[in-house]
Amino acid sequence: MNVNDENFKEEVIAKSKEIPVVVDFFATWCPPCKVLEPTLEKLSKTYEGKFILVKINVDENPMVSKEYSIMSIPSIKMFKNSNVVDEFVGAMPENMVKQWLDKNLN
């Protein structure tokens, strides 16, 4: 699901009170973003029901990007109970993303 400056609070902050939300801050011109995208989508299916994956384009949504101090992309943040509980920057191999998810979903 894609989110934007207007619906971020509703789709990420509010929903993170019910289920963890993983936010992929990306840009269409970013090669590492394109490398990481299929991994995140695959794992969101593998972990179906354990978290929600959303994407936000940093070029089109400067307010949220500034609010969360996005300096490098891809930047992945996990929200729980309205707060960022963990994050990583850059494309990581699937096994490392899986370890990150396991650590934060338990």
N, C-alpha and C. Protein backbone atom coordinates (compact mmCIF):
# COMPACT_ATOMS: atom_id res chain seq x y z
N MET A 1 0.84 -1.16 0.00
CA MET A 1 0.00 0.00 0.00
C MET A 1 0.89 1.24 0.00
N ASN A 2 0.54 2.21 -0.81
CA ASN A 2 1.25 3.48 -0.82
C ASN A 2 0.54 4.46 0.10
N VAL A 3 1.33 5.20 0.87
CA VAL A 3 0.79 6.24 1.73
C VAL A 3 1.42 7.57 1.33
N ASN A 4 0.86 8.66 1.86
CA ASN A 4 1.37 9.98 1.51
C ASN A 4 1.30 10.91 2.72
N ASP A 5 1.71 12.16 2.52
CA ASP A 5 1.70 13.13 3.61
C ASP A 5 0.32 13.26 4.24
N GLU A 6 -0.73 13.18 3.41
CA GLU A 6 -2.09 13.40 3.90
C GLU A 6 -2.63 12.24 4.74
N ASN A 7 -2.33 11.00 4.36
CA ASN A 7 -2.95 9.87 5.08
C ASN A 7 -1.97 9.09 5.97
N PHE A 8 -0.74 9.59 6.14
CA PHE A 8 0.27 8.88 6.92
C PHE A 8 -0.18 8.62 8.35
N LYS A 9 -0.73 9.66 9.01
CA LYS A 9 -1.15 9.49 10.41
C LYS A 9 -2.23 8.42 10.54
N GLU A 10 -3.16 8.40 9.60
CA GLU A 10 -4.26 7.44 9.64
C GLU A 10 -3.78 6.02 9.30
N GLU A 11 -3.00 5.91 8.22
CA GLU A 11 -2.62 4.59 7.71
C GLU A 11 -1.42 3.97 8.44
N VAL A 12 -0.59 4.79 9.07
CA VAL A 12 0.59 4.25 9.76
C VAL A 12 0.48 4.43 11.27
N ILE A 13 0.36 5.66 11.70
CA ILE A 13 0.37 5.93 13.14
C ILE A 13 -0.82 5.27 13.82
N ALA A 14 -2.02 5.48 13.31
CA ALA A 14 -3.23 4.91 13.93
C ALA A 14 -3.23 3.38 13.84
N LYS A 15 -2.90 2.84 12.67
CA LYS A 15 -2.93 1.38 12.50
C LYS A 15 -1.86 0.68 13.32
N SER A 16 -0.75 1.39 13.61
CA SER A 16 0.34 0.75 14.36
C SER A 16 -0.06 0.47 15.80
N LYS A 17 -1.20 1.00 16.23
CA LYS A 17 -1.71 0.69 17.58
C LYS A 17 -2.34 -0.70 17.60
N GLU A 18 -2.71 -1.21 16.41
CA GLU A 18 -3.36 -2.52 16.30
C GLU A 18 -2.41 -3.60 15.80
N ILE A 19 -1.53 -3.23 14.85
CA ILE A 19 -0.61 -4.19 14.22
C ILE A 19 0.65 -3.42 13.82
N PRO A 20 1.83 -4.03 13.92
CA PRO A 20 3.04 -3.33 13.49
C PRO A 20 2.93 -2.90 12.02
N VAL A 21 3.47 -1.72 11.71
CA VAL A 21 3.48 -1.21 10.34
C VAL A 21 4.93 -0.97 9.94
N VAL A 22 5.35 -1.60 8.84
CA VAL A 22 6.69 -1.41 8.30
C VAL A 22 6.57 -0.42 7.14
N VAL A 23 7.32 0.68 7.26
CA VAL A 23 7.25 1.74 6.25
C VAL A 23 8.54 1.74 5.44
N ASP A 24 8.38 1.65 4.12
CA ASP A 24 9.50 1.71 3.18
C ASP A 24 9.53 3.12 2.60
N PHE A 25 10.48 3.94 3.04
CA PHE A 25 10.70 5.27 2.46
C PHE A 25 11.59 5.06 1.25
N PHE A 26 11.09 5.41 0.05
CA PHE A 26 11.80 5.10 -1.19
C PHE A 26 11.69 6.24 -2.19
N ALA A 27 12.40 6.09 -3.31
CA ALA A 27 12.25 6.97 -4.48
C ALA A 27 12.33 6.10 -5.72
N THR A 28 11.63 6.53 -6.76
CA THR A 28 11.59 5.72 -7.99
C THR A 28 12.94 5.64 -8.68
N TRP A 29 13.81 6.63 -8.48
CA TRP A 29 15.12 6.68 -9.15
C TRP A 29 16.22 5.94 -8.36
N CYS A 30 15.87 5.32 -7.22
CA CYS A 30 16.85 4.76 -6.30
C CYS A 30 17.09 3.26 -6.57
N PRO A 31 18.28 2.89 -7.13
CA PRO A 31 18.54 1.46 -7.40
C PRO A 31 18.45 0.55 -6.17
N PRO A 32 19.03 0.92 -4.99
CA PRO A 32 18.88 0.03 -3.83
C PRO A 32 17.42 -0.15 -3.41
N CYS A 33 16.59 0.87 -3.64
CA CYS A 33 15.16 0.75 -3.32
C CYS A 33 14.52 -0.34 -4.17
N LYS A 34 14.92 -0.36 -5.45
CA LYS A 34 14.36 -1.36 -6.37
C LYS A 34 14.84 -2.76 -6.03
N VAL A 35 16.05 -2.87 -5.48
CA VAL A 35 16.59 -4.16 -5.06
C VAL A 35 15.83 -4.68 -3.83
N LEU A 36 15.54 -3.78 -2.89
CA LEU A 36 14.91 -4.19 -1.63
C LEU A 36 13.41 -4.45 -1.78
N GLU A 37 12.76 -3.77 -2.70
CA GLU A 37 11.30 -3.85 -2.85
C GLU A 37 10.76 -5.28 -2.96
N PRO A 38 11.29 -6.13 -3.86
CA PRO A 38 10.73 -7.49 -3.95
C PRO A 38 10.93 -8.31 -2.68
N THR A 39 12.03 -8.06 -1.97
CA THR A 39 12.27 -8.77 -0.71
C THR A 39 11.21 -8.39 0.32
N LEU A 40 10.94 -7.10 0.45
CA LEU A 40 9.92 -6.65 1.41
C LEU A 40 8.55 -7.20 1.04
N GLU A 41 8.22 -7.18 -0.24
CA GLU A 41 6.91 -7.67 -0.67
C GLU A 41 6.78 -9.17 -0.43
N LYS A 42 7.85 -9.92 -0.70
CA LYS A 42 7.83 -11.36 -0.46
C LYS A 42 7.63 -11.65 1.03
N LEU A 43 8.40 -10.96 1.88
CA LEU A 43 8.30 -11.21 3.31
C LEU A 43 6.96 -10.74 3.88
N SER A 44 6.36 -9.72 3.29
CA SER A 44 5.04 -9.29 3.78
C SER A 44 4.00 -10.38 3.52
N LYS A 45 4.19 -11.16 2.45
CA LYS A 45 3.29 -12.29 2.19
C LYS A 45 3.60 -13.45 3.14
N THR A 46 4.90 -13.71 3.35
CA THR A 46 5.32 -14.78 4.26
C THR A 46 4.81 -14.55 5.67
N TYR A 47 4.85 -13.30 6.10
CA TYR A 47 4.45 -12.92 7.47
C TYR A 47 3.02 -12.37 7.50
N GLU A 48 2.23 -12.74 6.54
CA GLU A 48 0.88 -12.17 6.41
C GLU A 48 0.12 -12.20 7.74
N GLY A 49 -0.43 -11.04 8.10
CA GLY A 49 -1.18 -10.92 9.33
C GLY A 49 -0.34 -10.49 10.53
N LYS A 50 1.01 -10.49 10.36
CA LYS A 50 1.88 -10.10 11.48
C LYS A 50 2.31 -8.64 11.41
N PHE A 51 2.30 -8.07 10.19
CA PHE A 51 2.58 -6.64 10.03
C PHE A 51 1.99 -6.18 8.71
N ILE A 52 1.89 -4.85 8.58
CA ILE A 52 1.43 -4.23 7.34
C ILE A 52 2.64 -3.55 6.71
N LEU A 53 2.83 -3.74 5.41
CA LEU A 53 3.90 -3.07 4.68
C LEU A 53 3.30 -1.90 3.90
N VAL A 54 3.84 -0.72 4.11
CA VAL A 54 3.43 0.45 3.33
C VAL A 54 4.66 1.12 2.74
N LYS A 55 4.47 1.83 1.64
CA LYS A 55 5.55 2.52 0.96
C LYS A 55 5.20 4.00 0.87
N ILE A 56 6.23 4.84 1.00
CA ILE A 56 6.02 6.27 0.83
C ILE A 56 7.17 6.84 -0.01
N ASN A 57 6.81 7.52 -1.07
CA ASN A 57 7.77 8.12 -1.99
C ASN A 57 8.28 9.42 -1.36
N VAL A 58 9.58 9.48 -1.06
CA VAL A 58 10.14 10.64 -0.37
C VAL A 58 10.10 11.90 -1.23
N ASP A 59 10.19 11.76 -2.54
CA ASP A 59 10.15 12.93 -3.43
C ASP A 59 8.77 13.57 -3.46
N GLU A 60 7.74 12.75 -3.35
CA GLU A 60 6.37 13.26 -3.44
C GLU A 60 5.79 13.62 -2.07
N ASN A 61 6.46 13.26 -1.00
CA ASN A 61 5.92 13.45 0.36
C ASN A 61 6.98 14.03 1.29
N PRO A 62 7.34 15.29 1.07
CA PRO A 62 8.43 15.89 1.86
C PRO A 62 8.11 16.10 3.34
N MET A 63 6.84 16.26 3.69
CA MET A 63 6.51 16.53 5.10
C MET A 63 6.84 15.33 5.99
N VAL A 64 6.37 14.15 5.61
CA VAL A 64 6.64 12.94 6.41
C VAL A 64 8.13 12.62 6.37
N SER A 65 8.75 12.77 5.22
CA SER A 65 10.19 12.49 5.10
C SER A 65 10.99 13.39 6.04
N LYS A 66 10.60 14.66 6.11
CA LYS A 66 11.30 15.59 7.00
C LYS A 66 11.01 15.25 8.47
N GLU A 67 9.76 14.94 8.77
CA GLU A 67 9.37 14.62 10.15
C GLU A 67 10.17 13.45 10.71
N TYR A 68 10.47 12.46 9.85
CA TYR A 68 11.21 11.28 10.30
C TYR A 68 12.68 11.32 9.89
N SER A 69 13.16 12.50 9.54
CA SER A 69 14.60 12.74 9.26
C SER A 69 15.18 11.74 8.27
N ILE A 70 14.50 11.54 7.15
CA ILE A 70 14.99 10.61 6.13
C ILE A 70 16.14 11.27 5.38
N MET A 71 17.34 10.73 5.56
CA MET A 71 18.54 11.28 4.91
C MET A 71 19.03 10.37 3.79
N SER A 72 18.80 9.07 3.93
CA SER A 72 19.23 8.08 2.94
C SER A 72 18.07 7.14 2.67
N ILE A 73 18.04 6.62 1.45
CA ILE A 73 16.99 5.66 1.10
C ILE A 73 17.63 4.45 0.44
N PRO A 74 16.99 3.28 0.49
CA PRO A 74 15.75 3.05 1.23
C PRO A 74 15.96 3.14 2.74
N SER A 75 14.96 3.68 3.40
CA SER A 75 14.95 3.74 4.86
C SER A 75 13.70 3.01 5.32
N ILE A 76 13.89 1.98 6.13
CA ILE A 76 12.79 1.14 6.57
C ILE A 76 12.59 1.36 8.07
N LYS A 77 11.36 1.68 8.44
CA LYS A 77 11.05 1.93 9.85
C LYS A 77 9.87 1.07 10.26
N MET A 78 9.95 0.49 11.45
CA MET A 78 8.82 -0.26 11.99
C MET A 78 8.15 0.58 13.07
N PHE A 79 6.85 0.75 12.92
CA PHE A 79 6.04 1.49 13.88
C PHE A 79 5.20 0.51 14.69
N LYS A 80 5.21 0.72 16.02
CA LYS A 80 4.33 -0.01 16.94
C LYS A 80 3.81 1.02 17.93
N ASN A 81 2.52 0.96 18.20
CA ASN A 81 1.91 1.89 19.16
C ASN A 81 2.30 3.34 18.87
N SER A 82 2.24 3.72 17.60
CA SER A 82 2.48 5.08 17.12
C SER A 82 3.94 5.51 17.11
N ASN A 83 4.86 4.63 17.50
CA ASN A 83 6.28 5.02 17.59
C ASN A 83 7.16 4.14 16.71
N VAL A 84 8.29 4.72 16.27
CA VAL A 84 9.30 3.94 15.56
C VAL A 84 10.03 3.10 16.60
N VAL A 85 9.99 1.77 16.42
CA VAL A 85 10.66 0.87 17.36
C VAL A 85 11.99 0.36 16.83
N ASP A 86 12.17 0.37 15.51
CA ASP A 86 13.44 -0.03 14.93
C ASP A 86 13.46 0.41 13.47
N GLU A 87 14.66 0.45 12.90
CA GLU A 87 14.81 0.88 11.52
C GLU A 87 16.12 0.38 10.95
N PHE A 88 16.21 0.39 9.61
CA PHE A 88 17.48 0.15 8.94
C PHE A 88 17.49 0.95 7.65
N VAL A 89 18.70 1.19 7.15
CA VAL A 89 18.87 1.97 5.93
C VAL A 89 19.66 1.13 4.94
N GLY A 90 19.22 1.15 3.69
CA GLY A 90 19.93 0.44 2.63
C GLY A 90 19.31 -0.90 2.33
N ALA A 91 19.73 -1.45 1.21
CA ALA A 91 19.22 -2.76 0.79
C ALA A 91 19.97 -3.84 1.55
N MET A 92 19.23 -4.68 2.25
CA MET A 92 19.84 -5.81 2.96
C MET A 92 19.37 -7.09 2.31
N PRO A 93 20.18 -8.16 2.42
CA PRO A 93 19.74 -9.45 1.89
C PRO A 93 18.51 -9.97 2.65
N GLU A 94 17.76 -10.82 1.99
CA GLU A 94 16.50 -11.31 2.56
C GLU A 94 16.68 -11.91 3.95
N ASN A 95 17.74 -12.70 4.17
CA ASN A 95 17.91 -13.34 5.49
C ASN A 95 18.10 -12.29 6.59
N MET A 96 18.75 -11.17 6.27
CA MET A 96 18.95 -10.12 7.28
C MET A 96 17.65 -9.36 7.55
N VAL A 97 16.87 -9.14 6.50
CA VAL A 97 15.56 -8.47 6.69
C VAL A 97 14.67 -9.38 7.53
N LYS A 98 14.73 -10.68 7.26
CA LYS A 98 13.94 -11.65 8.03
C LYS A 98 14.36 -11.63 9.51
N GLN A 99 15.65 -11.59 9.79
CA GLN A 99 16.14 -11.51 11.17
C GLN A 99 15.64 -10.24 11.85
N TRP A 100 15.68 -9.13 11.11
CA TRP A 100 15.19 -7.84 11.63
C TRP A 100 13.70 -7.94 11.98
N LEU A 101 12.92 -8.53 11.09
CA LEU A 101 11.49 -8.71 11.33
C LEU A 101 11.26 -9.60 12.55
N ASP A 102 11.95 -10.75 12.60
CA ASP A 102 11.77 -11.68 13.72
C ASP A 102 12.08 -11.01 15.04
N LYS A 103 13.15 -10.24 15.08
CA LYS A 103 13.56 -9.55 16.31
C LYS A 103 12.47 -8.56 16.76
N ASN A 104 11.84 -7.88 15.80
CA ASN A 104 10.91 -6.81 16.14
C ASN A 104 9.45 -7.23 16.22
N LEU A 105 9.13 -8.40 15.72
CA LEU A 105 7.74 -8.86 15.76
C LEU A 105 7.46 -9.73 16.96
N ASN A 106 8.48 -10.10 17.72
CA ASN A 106 8.28 -10.95 18.89
C ASN A 106 8.28 -10.17 20.18
